[in-house]
Amino acid sequence: MSDAVLAVIPARYASTRLPGKPLVDLAGKPMIQWVWQAVAASTKVHRVVVATDDERIATVVGGFGGEVVMTDPELPSGTDRCAAAARSIGWESAGYVLNIQGDEPLLPTSLVDDLVDAVVIGGADVVTPICRLTNPADLAEPSIVTVALNNRGEAMYFSRSPIPHYRGVEMALWPEHHQYWKHIGLYGYTADALQRHVALQQHPLELAESLEQLRLLADGARIRCIVTEAELVAVDTPADAERVYTLLAGL
C-alpha cells in the first residue's frame, strides 16, 4: 500500500426530500462544486474524484474541471461508492481513502486536512469528525446523529436517537448533565478498513438506523472521533438549501 490519499465525493441525484440536490444552486455555484473546491484545495489529498450514478451530475462536474467516476446506482452506501470509485480508477492500492459527503457545502479545507492527519497517524481503522451538541431541540431530530465515546475517544455506537438516554431528567436538560456529540458524516479510511467494509454484509443495525458506519463498528472496527469547531450545515431539505445560500452569499 502507498501513502497516497484519495478523496471521493459520492453524489447521487435521487433524494426524497430534495431531488437533484448536488446540483442545487448555492450563491451562483452548484452545491457539488462548493464541496469539490474545499477538498481540492487540500495539499494533503493527492486526487479528488466525484462518484456519481447520474449523467447530469457528471456533466456539471466535468464542466468545472472535476474528475468523475460513474458508479452503480444500486450500491447501498456512500462508502460502497467510494470503494467502487477507487477500484474503477485503479487506486485500490492507495493507503487512505476519504469519503466526503457531497451535501456539505460549508466544508472547510482545514477539516479535510484534519481528517488526513488523523487517519495517517494511525491507531484506528476509520476517523470521523464530531462536534459538541448543546441545543436540546437537536436531540429529538432523527437527521442529527449522536455518538457515544469510550475513554480513548473512539465510537461505541452511533444512533439517530439521542445517546445516552439520561434517565430521570427532562430531555431539555440533558445537555446540562452530559456532553452530547453530533456526528458529521465524513470519513477517513485506511485502505484495509475500506476493503473490509465493502466485503461485509450490511448489518441489521446499519439497516435499522440507516447509518453505514455501523457495519464496520459491529464487526469490531476502531472508529476514532476527532472534535471539530467547524460550523457545517448538511443540505437535506429546501430549507437547508436556503439557509446555506444565505451564508454563502455573504462570503
Protein backbone atom coordinates (compact mmCIF):
# COMPACT_ATOMS: atom_id res chain seq x y z
CA MET A 1 0.00 0.00 0.00
CA SER A 2 1.19 3.53 -0.77
CA ASP A 3 0.78 6.61 1.42
CA ALA A 4 -1.36 8.31 -1.22
CA VAL A 5 -4.67 9.84 -0.14
CA LEU A 6 -7.68 9.57 -2.45
CA ALA A 7 -10.75 11.70 -1.71
CA VAL A 8 -14.05 10.51 -3.11
CA ILE A 9 -17.20 12.65 -3.08
CA PRO A 10 -20.29 10.45 -3.52
CA ALA A 11 -23.09 12.39 -5.22
CA ARG A 12 -26.45 10.84 -6.05
CA TYR A 13 -29.19 12.68 -7.93
CA ALA A 14 -32.05 10.87 -6.18
CA SER A 15 -33.17 12.40 -2.90
CA THR A 16 -36.60 12.07 -1.35
CA ARG A 17 -36.61 15.48 0.30
CA LEU A 18 -34.51 17.39 -2.24
CA PRO A 19 -34.24 15.73 -5.67
CA GLY A 20 -31.11 16.65 -7.59
CA LYS A 21 -29.55 18.24 -4.52
CA PRO A 22 -25.90 18.04 -5.71
CA LEU A 23 -26.90 20.48 -8.48
CA VAL A 24 -28.86 22.90 -6.30
CA ASP A 25 -27.65 26.45 -6.94
CA LEU A 26 -25.97 28.00 -3.90
CA ALA A 27 -24.86 31.58 -4.47
CA GLY A 28 -24.02 31.00 -8.13
CA LYS A 29 -22.45 27.54 -7.92
CA PRO A 30 -23.92 24.04 -7.73
CA MET A 31 -23.55 22.50 -4.28
CA ILE A 32 -21.21 19.78 -5.51
CA GLN A 33 -18.77 22.43 -6.73
CA TRP A 34 -18.53 24.03 -3.28
CA VAL A 35 -17.65 20.65 -1.79
CA TRP A 36 -15.20 19.76 -4.55
CA GLN A 37 -13.37 23.09 -4.22
CA ALA A 38 -12.89 22.63 -0.48
CA VAL A 39 -11.40 19.16 -0.96
CA ALA A 40 -9.31 20.04 -4.00
CA ALA A 41 -7.72 22.90 -2.03
CA SER A 42 -6.14 20.46 0.41
CA THR A 43 -2.44 19.92 -0.23
CA LYS A 44 -2.67 16.64 1.70
CA VAL A 45 -5.05 14.99 -0.76
CA HIS A 46 -3.43 13.54 -3.87
CA ARG A 47 -6.51 13.02 -6.01
CA VAL A 48 -10.18 14.01 -5.84
CA VAL A 49 -13.00 12.30 -7.72
CA VAL A 50 -16.77 12.65 -7.68
CA ALA A 51 -18.55 9.29 -7.68
CA THR A 52 -22.00 9.56 -9.21
CA ASP A 53 -24.64 7.45 -10.90
CA ASP A 54 -26.16 10.31 -12.89
CA GLU A 55 -25.01 11.84 -16.17
CA ARG A 56 -26.42 15.26 -15.22
CA ILE A 57 -24.11 15.45 -12.24
CA ALA A 58 -21.20 14.10 -14.30
CA THR A 59 -21.71 16.83 -16.91
CA VAL A 60 -21.74 19.63 -14.33
CA VAL A 61 -18.68 18.30 -12.51
CA GLY A 62 -16.77 17.94 -15.76
CA GLY A 63 -17.79 21.49 -16.63
CA PHE A 64 -15.98 22.99 -13.64
CA GLY A 65 -12.92 20.76 -14.10
CA GLY A 66 -13.64 17.95 -11.67
CA GLU A 67 -12.90 14.29 -12.26
CA VAL A 68 -15.90 11.95 -12.40
CA VAL A 69 -16.28 8.21 -11.85
CA MET A 70 -19.60 6.60 -12.74
CA THR A 71 -20.83 4.07 -10.17
CA ASP A 72 -23.67 1.57 -9.91
CA PRO A 73 -26.88 3.24 -8.61
CA GLU A 74 -27.70 0.05 -6.68
CA LEU A 75 -24.73 0.36 -4.31
CA PRO A 76 -26.08 0.51 -0.74
CA SER A 77 -23.99 3.35 0.74
CA GLY A 78 -21.60 6.21 0.08
CA THR A 79 -18.69 4.13 1.32
CA ASP A 80 -19.54 1.36 -1.13
CA ARG A 81 -19.48 4.01 -3.87
CA CYS A 82 -16.09 5.24 -2.61
CA ALA A 83 -14.63 1.75 -2.84
CA ALA A 84 -16.15 1.21 -6.28
CA ALA A 85 -14.65 4.50 -7.49
CA ALA A 86 -11.22 3.57 -6.13
CA ARG A 87 -11.34 0.23 -7.93
CA SER A 88 -12.55 1.88 -11.15
CA ILE A 89 -9.59 4.26 -11.38
CA GLY A 90 -7.06 1.69 -10.18
CA TRP A 91 -6.48 3.32 -6.83
CA GLU A 92 -7.40 0.36 -4.68
CA SER A 93 -3.74 0.32 -3.58
CA ALA A 94 -3.95 3.85 -2.12
CA GLY A 95 -3.07 3.94 1.55
CA TYR A 96 -6.04 6.05 2.59
CA VAL A 97 -9.43 7.00 1.18
CA LEU A 98 -11.61 9.89 2.31
CA ASN A 99 -15.39 9.71 1.99
CA ILE A 100 -16.57 13.32 1.71
CA GLN A 101 -20.34 13.69 1.50
CA GLY A 102 -21.48 15.86 -1.39
CA ASP A 103 -24.08 17.71 0.69
CA GLU A 104 -21.66 19.64 2.93
CA PRO A 105 -21.13 22.91 1.01
CA LEU A 106 -19.73 24.73 4.07
CA LEU A 107 -16.94 22.19 4.48
CA PRO A 108 -13.65 23.95 5.32
CA THR A 109 -10.43 22.67 3.79
CA SER A 110 -8.91 22.64 7.28
CA LEU A 111 -11.29 19.84 8.29
CA VAL A 112 -10.21 17.81 5.24
CA ASP A 113 -6.60 18.29 6.37
CA ASP A 114 -7.50 17.21 9.91
CA LEU A 115 -9.09 14.00 8.61
CA VAL A 116 -5.97 13.17 6.60
CA ASP A 117 -3.67 13.85 9.55
CA ALA A 118 -5.79 11.74 11.90
CA VAL A 119 -6.05 8.69 9.65
CA VAL A 120 -2.38 8.80 8.63
CA ILE A 121 -1.22 8.97 12.25
CA GLY A 122 -2.79 5.55 12.64
CA GLY A 123 -4.16 3.57 15.53
CA ALA A 124 -7.71 3.38 14.18
CA ASP A 125 -9.41 1.85 11.17
CA VAL A 126 -11.56 4.91 10.49
CA VAL A 127 -11.58 8.54 11.59
CA THR A 128 -14.63 10.79 11.56
CA PRO A 129 -15.43 14.27 12.92
CA ILE A 130 -17.82 15.15 15.72
CA CYS A 131 -18.89 18.44 17.25
CA ARG A 132 -20.44 19.44 20.55
CA LEU A 133 -24.23 19.29 20.65
CA THR A 134 -25.73 21.80 23.04
CA ASN A 135 -29.21 22.58 21.67
CA PRO A 136 -31.77 20.28 23.38
CA ALA A 137 -34.06 20.53 20.33
CA ASP A 138 -31.40 18.76 18.25
CA LEU A 139 -31.67 15.68 20.45
CA ALA A 140 -35.15 14.96 19.14
CA GLU A 141 -34.21 15.37 15.45
CA PRO A 142 -33.61 12.00 13.71
CA SER A 143 -31.49 13.64 11.00
CA ILE A 144 -28.94 14.51 13.69
CA VAL A 145 -26.80 11.52 14.60
CA THR A 146 -25.31 11.28 18.06
CA VAL A 147 -22.36 9.15 19.10
CA ALA A 148 -21.25 7.65 22.41
CA LEU A 149 -17.49 7.62 23.00
CA ASN A 150 -15.19 5.40 25.02
CA ASN A 151 -12.28 6.71 27.11
CA ARG A 152 -9.99 6.73 24.05
CA GLY A 153 -12.27 8.98 22.01
CA GLU A 154 -13.47 6.10 19.86
CA ALA A 155 -17.07 5.44 18.89
CA MET A 156 -19.03 2.93 20.94
CA TYR A 157 -22.27 3.47 19.00
CA PHE A 158 -23.96 5.88 16.59
CA SER A 159 -27.70 6.50 16.61
CA ARG A 160 -30.48 8.69 15.28
CA SER A 161 -31.83 8.61 18.82
CA PRO A 162 -30.03 10.68 21.45
CA ILE A 163 -27.40 8.65 23.27
CA PRO A 164 -27.14 8.29 26.11
CA HIS A 165 -30.72 8.43 27.37
CA TYR A 166 -30.37 10.42 30.59
CA ARG A 167 -32.77 8.64 32.90
CA GLY A 168 -34.88 10.65 35.33
CA VAL A 169 -34.12 14.03 33.70
CA GLU A 170 -36.28 16.02 31.27
CA MET A 171 -34.73 15.88 27.78
CA ALA A 172 -34.47 19.68 27.60
CA LEU A 173 -31.98 19.47 30.47
CA TRP A 174 -29.88 16.58 29.20
CA PRO A 175 -27.07 18.76 27.74
CA GLU A 176 -26.62 20.26 31.20
CA HIS A 177 -25.85 16.82 32.62
CA HIS A 178 -23.84 15.22 29.81
CA GLN A 179 -21.71 16.29 26.85
CA TYR A 180 -23.59 15.11 23.77
CA TRP A 181 -21.74 14.69 20.48
CA LYS A 182 -23.11 15.22 16.99
CA HIS A 183 -21.61 13.10 14.25
CA ILE A 184 -20.57 14.69 10.95
CA GLY A 185 -20.76 12.18 8.10
CA LEU A 186 -17.23 12.46 6.72
CA TYR A 187 -14.73 9.60 6.98
CA GLY A 188 -11.08 8.79 6.54
CA TYR A 189 -10.46 5.08 5.93
CA THR A 190 -7.30 3.08 5.84
CA ALA A 191 -7.30 1.06 2.64
CA ASP A 192 -7.62 -2.16 4.62
CA ALA A 193 -10.64 -0.86 6.55
CA LEU A 194 -12.36 0.29 3.37
CA GLN A 195 -11.91 -3.08 1.72
CA ARG A 196 -13.11 -4.77 4.89
CA HIS A 197 -16.19 -2.54 4.95
CA VAL A 198 -17.36 -3.40 1.47
CA ALA A 199 -16.66 -7.11 1.94
CA LEU A 200 -19.12 -7.26 4.85
CA GLN A 201 -22.83 -7.78 4.52
CA GLN A 202 -25.00 -4.88 5.67
CA HIS A 203 -25.58 -5.31 9.38
CA PRO A 204 -29.09 -5.26 10.90
CA LEU A 205 -28.12 -2.21 12.98
CA GLU A 206 -26.94 -0.40 9.85
CA LEU A 207 -30.25 -1.13 8.15
CA ALA A 208 -32.32 -0.18 11.20
CA GLU A 209 -30.61 3.20 11.72
CA SER A 210 -29.66 3.79 8.07
CA LEU A 211 -26.11 4.53 9.22
CA GLU A 212 -23.39 2.90 7.14
CA GLN A 213 -20.66 3.28 9.81
CA LEU A 214 -22.45 0.71 11.98
CA ARG A 215 -21.43 -2.03 9.53
CA LEU A 216 -17.75 -1.79 10.45
CA LEU A 217 -18.40 -0.88 14.08
CA ALA A 218 -20.47 -4.03 14.56
CA ASP A 219 -17.55 -6.01 13.14
CA GLY A 220 -15.21 -4.65 15.81
CA ALA A 221 -13.54 -1.81 13.89
CA ARG A 222 -11.98 1.09 15.78
CA ILE A 223 -13.54 4.39 14.72
CA ARG A 224 -11.67 7.37 16.12
CA CYS A 225 -13.68 10.58 16.53
CA ILE A 226 -11.99 13.95 16.15
CA VAL A 227 -13.58 17.07 17.61
CA THR A 228 -14.12 20.00 15.25
CA GLU A 229 -15.40 23.51 15.82
CA ALA A 230 -16.34 23.86 12.14
CA GLU A 231 -19.89 25.09 11.55
CA LEU A 232 -21.31 22.72 8.95
CA VAL A 233 -24.83 22.56 7.56
CA ALA A 234 -25.70 19.40 5.65
CA VAL A 235 -28.23 20.16 2.92
CA ASP A 236 -31.11 17.69 3.09
CA THR A 237 -34.16 19.91 2.53
CA PRO A 238 -35.10 23.08 0.63
CA ALA A 239 -34.95 24.95 3.95
CA ASP A 240 -31.35 23.79 4.45
CA ALA A 241 -30.50 24.99 0.95
CA GLU A 242 -31.99 28.42 1.61
CA ARG A 243 -30.04 28.76 4.83
CA VAL A 244 -26.75 27.79 3.19
CA TYR A 245 -27.44 30.04 0.18
CA THR A 246 -27.71 32.99 2.54
CA LEU A 247 -24.49 32.08 4.34
CA LEU A 248 -22.50 31.60 1.13
CA ALA A 249 -23.89 34.75 -0.47
CA GLY A 250 -22.48 36.70 2.46
CA LEU A 251 -18.92 35.46 1.94
